[in-house]
Amino acid sequence: MKSPKLAGREQDMAKYEEGDFIKVEFKDEGTGIGEWMWVRVHHSDEEKRLVFGALDSMPLNSHGKKLKLGTELAISFAQIRDHRKSSEFDSSK
């Protein structure tokens, strides 16, 4: 994502910013069943194409007891299927 031109040149902005949410599929190693869950972004590394954050969904499958609400994760950009700003989750509606 590019920001407006600053001082005659474009500046790169992080695609995934702190507080954003990304949706990722997690496959249960035992059953192979996939489960889509939201991760709240802490920060991203554009060069390495990784997002760091915490699981923000309660897993329904066991995932070998490796995943629970709040689990800290590193997610490859290639695994991300949806991206939302926190403002898109307005709870007053």
C-alpha atoms as a PDB file:
ATOM      1  CA  MET A   1       0.000   0.000   0.000  1.00  0.00           C
ATOM      2  CA  LYS A   2       1.450   3.383  -0.904  1.00  0.00           C
ATOM      3  CA  SER A   3       0.958   6.618   0.962  1.00  0.00           C
ATOM      4  CA  PRO A   4       0.452   9.958  -0.757  1.00  0.00           C
ATOM      5  CA  LYS A   5       3.562  11.535  -2.203  1.00  0.00           C
ATOM      6  CA  LEU A   6       5.655  13.201   0.458  1.00  0.00           C
ATOM      7  CA  ALA A   7       8.221  15.827  -0.581  1.00  0.00           C
ATOM      8  CA  GLY A   8       7.937  14.672  -4.186  1.00  0.00           C
ATOM      9  CA  ARG A   9       8.407  10.939  -3.564  1.00  0.00           C
ATOM     10  CA  GLU A  10       6.227   8.042  -2.467  1.00  0.00           C
ATOM     11  CA  GLN A  11       6.739   6.521   0.938  1.00  0.00           C
ATOM     12  CA  ASP A  12       5.916   2.869   1.632  1.00  0.00           C
ATOM     13  CA  MET A  13       3.422   2.135   4.398  1.00  0.00           C
ATOM     14  CA  ALA A  14       3.092  -1.167   6.180  1.00  0.00           C
ATOM     15  CA  LYS A  15       0.339  -3.251   4.647  1.00  0.00           C
ATOM     16  CA  TYR A  16      -0.610  -4.777   7.997  1.00  0.00           C
ATOM     17  CA  GLU A  17      -0.507  -2.378  10.935  1.00  0.00           C
ATOM     18  CA  GLU A  18      -0.842  -2.754  14.713  1.00  0.00           C
ATOM     19  CA  GLY A  19      -4.476  -3.327  15.672  1.00  0.00           C
ATOM     20  CA  ASP A  20      -5.491  -4.692  12.259  1.00  0.00           C
ATOM     21  CA  PHE A  21      -7.048  -8.147  11.973  1.00  0.00           C
ATOM     22  CA  ILE A  22      -6.081 -10.880   9.510  1.00  0.00           C
ATOM     23  CA  LYS A  23      -7.992 -14.101   8.802  1.00  0.00           C
ATOM     24  CA  VAL A  24      -5.923 -17.269   8.513  1.00  0.00           C
ATOM     25  CA  GLU A  25      -6.779 -20.933   7.958  1.00  0.00           C
ATOM     26  CA  PHE A  26      -5.342 -23.305  10.555  1.00  0.00           C
ATOM     27  CA  LYS A  27      -5.422 -27.001   9.681  1.00  0.00           C
ATOM     28  CA  ASP A  28      -5.759 -29.531  12.480  1.00  0.00           C
ATOM     29  CA  GLU A  29      -2.746 -31.851  12.134  1.00  0.00           C
ATOM     30  CA  GLY A  30      -4.724 -34.860  13.358  1.00  0.00           C
ATOM     31  CA  THR A  31      -7.870 -34.488  11.264  1.00  0.00           C
ATOM     32  CA  GLY A  32      -6.702 -32.212   8.440  1.00  0.00           C
ATOM     33  CA  ILE A  33      -9.830 -30.111   8.975  1.00  0.00           C
ATOM     34  CA  GLY A  34      -9.271 -26.402   8.438  1.00  0.00           C
ATOM     35  CA  GLU A  35     -10.583 -23.684  10.710  1.00  0.00           C
ATOM     36  CA  TRP A  36     -10.616 -19.974   9.834  1.00  0.00           C
ATOM     37  CA  MET A  37      -9.653 -17.661  12.680  1.00  0.00           C
ATOM     38  CA  TRP A  38      -8.784 -14.003  13.226  1.00  0.00           C
ATOM     39  CA  VAL A  39      -5.364 -12.838  14.373  1.00  0.00           C
ATOM     40  CA  ARG A  40      -4.853  -9.345  15.842  1.00  0.00           C
ATOM     41  CA  VAL A  41      -1.730  -7.781  14.335  1.00  0.00           C
ATOM     42  CA  HIS A  42       1.072  -6.539  16.607  1.00  0.00           C
ATOM     43  CA  HIS A  43       3.473  -5.674  13.777  1.00  0.00           C
ATOM     44  CA  SER A  44       4.645  -6.884  10.390  1.00  0.00           C
ATOM     45  CA  ASP A  45       7.972  -7.373   8.642  1.00  0.00           C
ATOM     46  CA  GLU A  46       7.456  -6.312   5.021  1.00  0.00           C
ATOM     47  CA  GLU A  47      10.882  -7.582   3.935  1.00  0.00           C
ATOM     48  CA  LYS A  48      10.345 -11.080   5.360  1.00  0.00           C
ATOM     49  CA  ARG A  49       6.614 -10.953   4.506  1.00  0.00           C
ATOM     50  CA  LEU A  50       5.541 -11.954   8.018  1.00  0.00           C
ATOM     51  CA  VAL A  51       2.844 -10.699  10.371  1.00  0.00           C
ATOM     52  CA  PHE A  52       3.244 -11.095  14.127  1.00  0.00           C
ATOM     53  CA  GLY A  53       0.179 -11.133  16.328  1.00  0.00           C
ATOM     54  CA  ALA A  54      -2.103 -12.965  18.733  1.00  0.00           C
ATOM     55  CA  LEU A  55      -4.940 -15.360  17.967  1.00  0.00           C
ATOM     56  CA  ASP A  56      -8.191 -13.437  18.486  1.00  0.00           C
ATOM     57  CA  SER A  57     -10.634 -16.327  17.928  1.00  0.00           C
ATOM     58  CA  MET A  58     -11.523 -19.228  20.191  1.00  0.00           C
ATOM     59  CA  PRO A  59     -10.514 -22.425  18.349  1.00  0.00           C
ATOM     60  CA  LEU A  60     -13.269 -25.006  17.900  1.00  0.00           C
ATOM     61  CA  ASN A  61     -10.875 -27.823  16.941  1.00  0.00           C
ATOM     62  CA  SER A  62      -8.105 -29.098  19.235  1.00  0.00           C
ATOM     63  CA  HIS A  63      -5.131 -28.338  16.921  1.00  0.00           C
ATOM     64  CA  GLY A  64      -3.062 -30.653  19.086  1.00  0.00           C
ATOM     65  CA  LYS A  65      -3.669 -28.248  21.997  1.00  0.00           C
ATOM     66  CA  LYS A  66      -1.189 -25.825  20.355  1.00  0.00           C
ATOM     67  CA  LEU A  67      -3.695 -23.030  19.696  1.00  0.00           C
ATOM     68  CA  LYS A  68      -5.786 -21.089  22.181  1.00  0.00           C
ATOM     69  CA  LEU A  69      -7.127 -17.574  22.431  1.00  0.00           C
ATOM     70  CA  GLY A  70      -4.139 -15.215  22.723  1.00  0.00           C
ATOM     71  CA  THR A  71      -1.510 -17.567  21.288  1.00  0.00           C
ATOM     72  CA  GLU A  72       1.349 -15.498  19.818  1.00  0.00           C
ATOM     73  CA  LEU A  73       1.934 -16.309  16.131  1.00  0.00           C
ATOM     74  CA  ALA A  74       4.069 -15.446  13.114  1.00  0.00           C
ATOM     75  CA  ILE A  75       2.023 -15.679   9.901  1.00  0.00           C
ATOM     76  CA  SER A  76       3.319 -15.625   6.330  1.00  0.00           C
ATOM     77  CA  PHE A  77       1.652 -13.086   4.036  1.00  0.00           C
ATOM     78  CA  ALA A  78       0.816 -16.062   1.760  1.00  0.00           C
ATOM     79  CA  GLN A  79      -1.449 -17.557   4.462  1.00  0.00           C
ATOM     80  CA  ILE A  80      -3.602 -14.432   4.889  1.00  0.00           C
ATOM     81  CA  ARG A  81      -7.065 -14.648   3.288  1.00  0.00           C
ATOM     82  CA  ASP A  82      -8.723 -11.512   4.674  1.00  0.00           C
ATOM     83  CA  HIS A  83      -7.576  -8.228   6.191  1.00  0.00           C
ATOM     84  CA  ARG A  84      -9.657  -5.762   8.197  1.00  0.00           C
ATOM     85  CA  LYS A  85      -8.993  -2.576  10.109  1.00  0.00           C
ATOM     86  CA  SER A  86     -10.168  -2.611  13.738  1.00  0.00           C
ATOM     87  CA  SER A  87     -12.714   0.105  12.874  1.00  0.00           C
ATOM     88  CA  GLU A  88     -14.504  -2.444  10.657  1.00  0.00           C
ATOM     89  CA  PHE A  89     -15.432  -4.418  13.786  1.00  0.00           C
ATOM     90  CA  ASP A  90     -17.633  -1.714  15.311  1.00  0.00           C
ATOM     91  CA  SER A  91     -19.500  -3.448  18.132  1.00  0.00           C
ATOM     92  CA  SER A  92     -22.130  -0.690  18.469  1.00  0.00           C
ATOM     93  CA  LYS A  93     -24.023  -1.885  15.363  1.00  0.00           C
END
